[in-house]
Amino acid sequence: MRLLIATDAWRPQINGVVRSLEYMAEMAPGFGAEVSFLTPERFRSFPMPTYPEIRLSVVAPGQVRRFIEAADPTHIHIATEGPIGLATRRACLKDGRAFTTSYHTRFPEYLSARMPIPEGLTYRFLRQFHNGGRAVMVSTPSLESELGARGFRNILRWTRGVDTTLFRPRRERIIDAPGPLFLFVGRVAVEKNIEAFLALDLPGTKLVVGDGPARAVLARKYPDVRFLGVLSGEELARIYASADVFVFPSLTDTFGIVLLEALASGLPIAAFPVTGPADVVGGSGCGVLGDDLRQGALAALDIPKTRCRAYGETFTWRESARQFFSNIAIACDTAPLTSETAGARPSVPAVA
């Protein structure tokens, strides 16, 4: 398999999409696959309105078609619904190439939190986008059920993994602050619902790892919170291991790789009972899910770290890669390209 992955999310962004794709490329040889990427590195770009940390590529359809022809892939996977994803989808449909997609981000909810765009309009665009391929991969059972009810077709499961060698319990605590330590890791942005965590009346210290458009405002509003900025690798792993509870206030994440990193580090989870936490934590006994996030954070302090570590070790990148490459092979090698699956170019919703 010579797989071309087209993605608008790429370095220097640090998020679950980028990490997942990097691990798939790393695991590819073990599954008889050779992976190449079509990323924003090949195009001019401009800052995304209201979110300058993300850059949008200026893509000419001819460029993408020529790149695909030069790469000569046997399979194509489109990871994102941005300019690169749209141009790749258009080229595939025009040339009769089979492709798969993945649904990583709840753009309808993200957009409606920032601009007056109805969620139903964005979902219509996304449904058209993903139904044009052979299959769309999702990370959890609840997301599969939700998208199926919204008219998405040919949904396949693709779970995520965690590096349990890097993310592990450690004896040393590198944060000099009153305990217990409650940790959040992720984008500091409105769609992460982070203020639901920062406003909690909790003992000890709240820690935030990450950056984003809301950081400056929130840092001024909550001066007692320790904002540590963007961390990765060993430095990030040591922060996880220094904390006592991982608090995940998001209502819109489709999975949350940070949940697995926390569990592998021995941290119990406090979160709302929504897609992502409900699927990852579920009835494992490694977290407290409920509408009262403060109560959940305090109750999570009593959960044994050894239990969380053992559960975190069950999520492997190898199993994630097995699902990913199997899904692509099954979808693209067996399903005929019909007039229905090769549907029209999705209409991009206008901004009100």
Protein backbone atom coordinates (compact mmCIF):
# COMPACT_ATOMS: atom_id res chain seq x y z
CA MET A 1 0.00 0.00 0.00
CA ARG A 2 1.33 3.43 -1.01
CA LEU A 3 -0.84 5.75 1.06
CA LEU A 4 -1.08 9.49 0.54
CA ILE A 5 -2.51 11.38 3.52
CA ALA A 6 -3.84 14.87 2.80
CA THR A 7 -4.12 17.06 5.90
CA ASP A 8 -4.58 20.74 6.71
CA ALA A 9 -3.42 20.07 10.29
CA TRP A 10 0.33 19.75 10.50
CA ARG A 11 3.42 20.95 12.32
CA PRO A 12 4.02 23.30 14.06
CA GLN A 13 0.46 22.68 15.33
CA ILE A 14 0.39 20.44 18.38
CA ASN A 15 -2.89 18.57 18.55
CA GLY A 16 -4.43 15.13 18.43
CA VAL A 17 -4.81 15.10 14.64
CA VAL A 18 -1.11 15.76 14.03
CA ARG A 19 0.03 13.29 16.69
CA SER A 20 -2.27 10.56 15.35
CA LEU A 21 -1.04 10.96 11.78
CA GLU A 22 2.59 10.99 12.85
CA TYR A 23 2.12 7.72 14.74
CA MET A 24 0.35 6.15 11.75
CA ALA A 25 3.35 7.00 9.55
CA GLU A 26 5.72 5.59 12.15
CA MET A 27 3.76 2.33 12.36
CA ALA A 28 3.15 2.01 8.60
CA PRO A 29 6.05 -0.32 7.67
CA GLY A 30 4.76 -2.93 10.11
CA PHE A 31 1.52 -3.07 8.13
CA GLY A 32 3.10 -3.15 4.67
CA ALA A 33 2.36 0.49 4.01
CA GLU A 34 4.44 3.40 2.74
CA VAL A 35 3.05 6.80 3.77
CA SER A 36 3.56 10.23 2.20
CA PHE A 37 1.88 13.49 3.20
CA LEU A 38 0.31 16.44 1.44
CA THR A 39 0.46 19.22 4.06
CA PRO A 40 0.45 23.04 4.39
CA GLU A 41 4.25 22.98 4.08
CA ARG A 42 3.77 22.91 0.29
CA PHE A 43 1.55 25.99 0.02
CA ARG A 44 1.32 29.65 0.87
CA SER A 45 -0.98 30.25 3.83
CA PHE A 46 -2.73 32.92 5.87
CA PRO A 47 -3.95 33.05 9.50
CA MET A 48 -7.40 31.65 10.14
CA PRO A 49 -9.83 34.44 11.13
CA THR A 50 -10.39 34.51 14.93
CA TYR A 51 -7.75 31.77 15.34
CA PRO A 52 -4.38 32.98 13.96
CA GLU A 53 -2.47 30.01 15.41
CA ILE A 54 -4.02 27.93 12.62
CA ARG A 55 -3.01 28.82 9.08
CA LEU A 56 -5.15 28.11 6.01
CA SER A 57 -3.41 27.06 2.81
CA VAL A 58 -3.91 28.77 -0.53
CA VAL A 59 -4.42 25.75 -2.75
CA ALA A 60 -4.82 25.55 -6.52
CA PRO A 61 -6.62 22.37 -7.65
CA GLY A 62 -4.05 21.80 -10.39
CA GLN A 63 -1.25 21.74 -7.84
CA VAL A 64 -2.93 18.99 -5.88
CA ARG A 65 -3.70 16.87 -8.92
CA ARG A 66 -0.09 17.10 -10.10
CA PHE A 67 1.15 16.16 -6.63
CA ILE A 68 -1.14 13.12 -6.52
CA GLU A 69 0.00 12.00 -9.96
CA ALA A 70 3.66 12.34 -8.95
CA ALA A 71 3.14 10.46 -5.68
CA ASP A 72 1.27 7.70 -7.55
CA PRO A 73 -0.52 6.38 -4.42
CA THR A 74 -2.52 3.20 -4.35
CA HIS A 75 -4.72 4.66 -1.58
CA ILE A 76 -5.64 8.18 -0.44
CA HIS A 77 -6.83 9.31 2.98
CA ILE A 78 -8.16 12.82 3.61
CA ALA A 79 -7.73 13.74 7.27
CA THR A 80 -9.27 17.23 7.38
CA GLU A 81 -12.02 19.26 5.74
CA GLY A 82 -9.88 22.39 5.06
CA PRO A 83 -8.53 23.76 1.76
CA ILE A 84 -6.11 20.86 1.22
CA GLY A 85 -8.77 18.31 2.06
CA LEU A 86 -11.30 19.94 -0.24
CA ALA A 87 -8.85 20.16 -3.15
CA THR A 88 -7.79 16.53 -2.69
CA ARG A 89 -11.40 15.37 -2.54
CA ARG A 90 -12.18 17.30 -5.74
CA ALA A 91 -9.18 15.77 -7.53
CA CYS A 92 -10.10 12.26 -6.42
CA LEU A 93 -13.68 12.55 -7.61
CA LYS A 94 -12.62 14.09 -10.93
CA ASP A 95 -10.11 11.32 -11.61
CA GLY A 96 -12.20 8.47 -10.20
CA ARG A 97 -9.81 7.74 -7.31
CA ALA A 98 -11.16 6.03 -4.21
CA PHE A 99 -10.45 7.72 -0.88
CA THR A 100 -11.31 7.56 2.79
CA THR A 101 -11.74 10.39 5.31
CA SER A 102 -11.66 10.83 9.08
CA TYR A 103 -13.78 12.98 11.37
CA HIS A 104 -11.56 14.54 14.03
CA THR A 105 -13.10 17.87 14.98
CA ARG A 106 -16.58 19.14 15.80
CA PHE A 107 -16.39 22.11 13.48
CA PRO A 108 -20.15 22.86 13.69
CA GLU A 109 -19.91 23.42 17.44
CA TYR A 110 -16.55 25.23 17.16
CA LEU A 111 -17.83 27.63 14.52
CA SER A 112 -21.09 28.38 16.29
CA ALA A 113 -19.11 29.26 19.44
CA ARG A 114 -17.19 31.90 17.46
CA MET A 115 -19.50 33.08 14.66
CA PRO A 116 -23.26 33.15 13.93
CA ILE A 117 -23.20 30.02 11.76
CA PRO A 118 -25.99 27.48 12.40
CA GLU A 119 -24.65 24.04 13.32
CA GLY A 120 -27.08 22.37 10.91
CA LEU A 121 -25.59 24.24 7.96
CA THR A 122 -22.05 23.14 8.81
CA TYR A 123 -23.16 19.56 9.39
CA ARG A 124 -24.74 19.54 5.93
CA PHE A 125 -21.41 20.57 4.41
CA LEU A 126 -19.51 17.95 6.43
CA ARG A 127 -22.01 15.22 5.53
CA GLN A 128 -21.53 15.96 1.82
CA PHE A 129 -17.77 16.07 2.25
CA HIS A 130 -17.42 12.72 4.02
CA ASN A 131 -20.14 10.84 2.15
CA GLY A 132 -18.18 11.42 -1.07
CA GLY A 133 -15.55 8.93 0.08
CA ARG A 134 -15.59 5.18 0.57
CA ALA A 135 -15.66 5.45 4.36
CA VAL A 136 -15.30 7.96 7.20
CA MET A 137 -13.36 6.96 10.31
CA VAL A 138 -14.44 8.02 13.79
CA SER A 139 -12.81 7.40 17.13
CA THR A 140 -15.67 6.34 19.41
CA PRO A 141 -18.97 4.41 19.43
CA SER A 142 -20.98 7.42 20.58
CA LEU A 143 -19.61 9.60 17.76
CA GLU A 144 -20.41 6.83 15.27
CA SER A 145 -24.00 6.73 16.54
CA GLU A 146 -24.34 10.52 16.48
CA LEU A 147 -23.00 10.97 12.95
CA GLY A 148 -25.03 8.02 11.69
CA ALA A 149 -28.17 9.73 12.96
CA ARG A 150 -27.10 12.86 11.03
CA GLY A 151 -26.91 10.96 7.74
CA PHE A 152 -23.19 10.12 7.57
CA ARG A 153 -22.62 6.81 5.75
CA ASN A 154 -20.01 4.04 5.75
CA ILE A 155 -18.67 4.82 9.23
CA LEU A 156 -15.70 2.81 10.48
CA ARG A 157 -14.04 2.84 13.90
CA TRP A 158 -10.48 4.09 14.39
CA THR A 159 -9.36 4.28 18.01
CA ARG A 160 -6.29 6.12 19.34
CA GLY A 161 -3.27 5.11 21.38
CA VAL A 162 -0.70 6.48 23.79
CA ASP A 163 3.07 6.19 24.26
CA THR A 164 3.17 4.41 27.60
CA THR A 165 6.95 4.57 27.75
CA LEU A 166 6.95 8.36 27.69
CA PHE A 167 3.74 8.92 29.65
CA ARG A 168 4.12 7.00 32.89
CA PRO A 169 3.93 7.56 36.66
CA ARG A 170 7.10 9.05 38.17
CA ARG A 171 8.28 9.62 41.70
CA GLU A 172 9.48 13.19 41.29
CA ARG A 173 7.07 16.15 41.23
CA ILE A 174 8.48 19.09 39.32
CA ILE A 175 5.75 21.61 40.22
CA ASP A 176 6.43 23.59 43.39
CA ALA A 177 2.89 24.58 44.30
CA PRO A 178 0.30 23.74 46.96
CA GLY A 179 -1.49 20.46 46.29
CA PRO A 180 -3.54 18.81 45.16
CA LEU A 181 -2.64 19.69 41.56
CA PHE A 182 -5.49 19.75 39.02
CA LEU A 183 -4.28 19.71 35.41
CA PHE A 184 -5.70 20.67 32.01
CA VAL A 185 -3.79 20.10 28.76
CA GLY A 186 -5.08 21.46 25.45
CA ARG A 187 -5.84 24.56 23.40
CA VAL A 188 -6.73 27.55 25.53
CA ALA A 189 -9.78 28.48 23.49
CA VAL A 190 -13.49 29.03 23.95
CA GLU A 191 -14.48 25.74 22.29
CA LYS A 192 -12.57 23.78 24.95
CA ASN A 193 -14.90 25.16 27.66
CA ILE A 194 -11.78 25.70 29.77
CA GLU A 195 -13.36 28.38 31.96
CA ALA A 196 -15.65 25.71 33.42
CA PHE A 197 -12.46 24.33 34.99
CA LEU A 198 -10.74 27.61 35.87
CA ALA A 199 -13.79 28.93 37.74
CA LEU A 200 -14.05 25.89 40.04
CA ASP A 201 -13.55 26.39 43.75
CA LEU A 202 -10.90 23.73 44.33
CA PRO A 203 -8.17 23.31 46.93
CA GLY A 204 -4.54 23.32 45.87
CA THR A 205 -3.46 24.58 42.44
CA LYS A 206 -4.84 24.55 38.90
CA LEU A 207 -2.36 23.99 36.07
CA VAL A 208 -2.91 24.71 32.37
CA VAL A 209 -0.60 23.39 29.65
CA GLY A 210 -1.21 24.82 26.20
CA ASP A 211 -1.78 28.08 24.38
CA GLY A 212 -4.50 29.68 22.35
CA PRO A 213 -6.49 32.84 21.66
CA ALA A 214 -8.10 32.95 25.12
CA ARG A 215 -4.93 32.57 27.17
CA ALA A 216 -4.15 36.26 27.79
CA VAL A 217 -7.69 37.09 28.89
CA LEU A 218 -8.00 34.03 31.11
CA ALA A 219 -4.59 34.53 32.69
CA ARG A 220 -5.64 38.02 33.78
CA LYS A 221 -9.03 36.83 35.00
CA TYR A 222 -7.63 33.86 36.98
CA PRO A 223 -4.26 35.01 38.41
CA ASP A 224 -4.03 32.02 40.76
CA VAL A 225 -3.94 29.56 37.86
CA ARG A 226 -0.49 28.45 36.66
CA PHE A 227 -0.36 28.81 32.85
CA LEU A 228 2.68 26.79 31.73
CA GLY A 229 2.48 27.36 27.97
CA VAL A 230 3.00 24.77 25.25
CA LEU A 231 4.97 21.72 26.38
CA SER A 232 5.78 18.45 24.65
CA GLY A 233 7.79 15.27 25.02
CA GLU A 234 9.58 14.61 28.29
CA GLU A 235 8.70 18.01 29.72
CA LEU A 236 4.98 17.44 29.18
CA ALA A 237 5.18 13.89 30.53
CA ARG A 238 6.79 15.10 33.75
CA ILE A 239 3.98 17.63 34.26
CA TYR A 240 1.35 14.90 33.88
CA ALA A 241 3.20 12.74 36.41
CA SER A 242 3.36 15.64 38.88
CA ALA A 243 -0.40 16.25 38.90
CA ASP A 244 -3.11 14.54 40.95
CA VAL A 245 -6.23 14.83 38.75
CA PHE A 246 -6.74 15.57 35.06
CA VAL A 247 -9.74 17.84 34.51
CA PHE A 248 -11.26 17.76 31.02
CA PRO A 249 -14.04 20.36 30.68
CA SER A 250 -14.57 20.09 26.91
CA LEU A 251 -18.06 19.40 25.62
CA THR A 252 -17.05 19.15 21.95
CA ASP A 253 -13.97 16.89 21.61
CA THR A 254 -14.48 13.74 19.56
CA PHE A 255 -11.94 11.76 21.60
CA GLY A 256 -9.17 13.52 23.53
CA ILE A 257 -5.74 11.90 23.25
CA VAL A 258 -4.80 13.91 26.34
CA LEU A 259 -7.15 11.62 28.28
CA LEU A 260 -5.00 8.64 27.35
CA GLU A 261 -1.80 10.52 28.19
CA ALA A 262 -3.22 11.36 31.60
CA LEU A 263 -4.36 7.79 32.29
CA ALA A 264 -1.01 6.35 31.22
CA SER A 265 0.62 8.80 33.65
CA GLY A 266 -1.58 7.46 36.45
CA LEU A 267 -4.02 10.39 36.57
CA PRO A 268 -7.73 9.89 37.23
CA ILE A 269 -10.12 11.92 35.05
CA ALA A 270 -12.82 14.43 35.98
CA ALA A 271 -15.04 15.35 33.03
CA PHE A 272 -18.55 15.89 31.80
CA PRO A 273 -20.45 12.77 30.58
CA VAL A 274 -20.13 13.56 26.86
CA THR A 275 -18.59 11.99 23.74
CA GLY A 276 -14.91 11.46 24.34
CA PRO A 277 -14.73 11.08 28.12
CA ALA A 278 -17.77 8.79 28.17
CA ASP A 279 -16.14 6.51 25.59
CA VAL A 280 -12.59 6.63 26.94
CA VAL A 281 -13.33 6.49 30.67
CA GLY A 282 -16.75 4.85 30.63
CA GLY A 283 -17.14 2.32 33.43
CA SER A 284 -13.41 1.78 33.90
CA GLY A 285 -13.42 3.24 37.39
CA CYS A 286 -10.60 5.58 36.33
CA GLY A 287 -12.57 8.79 36.45
CA VAL A 288 -15.65 10.62 37.61
CA LEU A 289 -18.06 11.81 34.94
CA GLY A 290 -20.93 14.09 35.89
CA ASP A 291 -22.50 17.48 35.45
CA ASP A 292 -20.85 18.78 38.64
CA LEU A 293 -17.22 19.13 37.54
CA ARG A 294 -16.05 20.32 40.97
CA GLN A 295 -17.52 17.31 42.72
CA GLY A 296 -15.96 15.07 40.08
CA ALA A 297 -12.52 16.62 40.49
CA LEU A 298 -12.60 16.17 44.26
CA ALA A 299 -13.93 12.61 44.07
CA ALA A 300 -11.27 11.66 41.53
CA LEU A 301 -8.60 12.27 44.16
CA ASP A 302 -9.60 8.96 45.76
CA ILE A 303 -9.05 6.87 42.61
CA PRO A 304 -5.85 4.76 42.75
CA LYS A 305 -3.17 5.84 40.29
CA THR A 306 -2.23 2.22 39.69
CA ARG A 307 -5.72 1.52 38.35
CA CYS A 308 -5.45 4.44 35.91
CA ARG A 309 -2.03 3.36 34.69
CA ALA A 310 -3.17 -0.21 34.08
CA TYR A 311 -6.16 0.98 32.08
CA GLY A 312 -4.08 3.48 30.09
CA GLU A 313 -1.76 0.67 29.03
CA THR A 314 -4.62 -1.00 27.15
CA PHE A 315 -4.60 1.77 24.50
CA THR A 316 -1.77 1.15 22.03
CA TRP A 317 -0.73 2.93 18.86
CA ARG A 318 -0.18 -0.45 17.23
CA GLU A 319 -3.85 -1.35 17.59
CA SER A 320 -4.78 2.12 16.38
CA ALA A 321 -2.61 1.64 13.28
CA ARG A 322 -4.03 -1.84 12.66
CA GLN A 323 -7.54 -0.39 12.55
CA PHE A 324 -6.47 2.56 10.40
CA PHE A 325 -4.71 0.61 7.65
CA SER A 326 -7.30 -2.18 7.69
CA ASN A 327 -10.12 0.33 7.27
CA ILE A 328 -8.41 1.92 4.27
CA ALA A 329 -7.66 -1.39 2.58
CA ILE A 330 -11.14 -2.80 3.14
CA ALA A 331 -12.97 0.37 2.07
CA CYS A 332 -10.90 1.17 -1.02
CA ASP A 333 -10.13 -2.34 -2.27
CA THR A 334 -13.63 -3.81 -2.12
CA ALA A 335 -16.25 -1.07 -2.50
CA PRO A 336 -17.16 -0.04 -6.06
CA LEU A 337 -17.19 3.67 -6.83
CA THR A 338 -20.84 4.50 -7.50
CA SER A 339 -22.54 7.63 -8.68
CA GLU A 340 -23.83 8.10 -5.13
CA THR A 341 -20.46 7.85 -3.40
CA ALA A 342 -18.89 10.09 -6.04
CA GLY A 343 -21.34 12.85 -5.14
CA ALA A 344 -21.07 16.47 -6.03
CA ARG A 345 -18.60 18.91 -4.56
CA PRO A 346 -19.90 20.00 -1.14
CA SER A 347 -21.17 23.54 -0.98
CA VAL A 348 -19.28 25.60 1.57
CA PRO A 349 -21.70 27.37 3.96
CA ALA A 350 -21.64 31.12 3.70
CA VAL A 351 -20.69 33.11 6.77
CA ALA A 352 -23.62 35.17 8.01
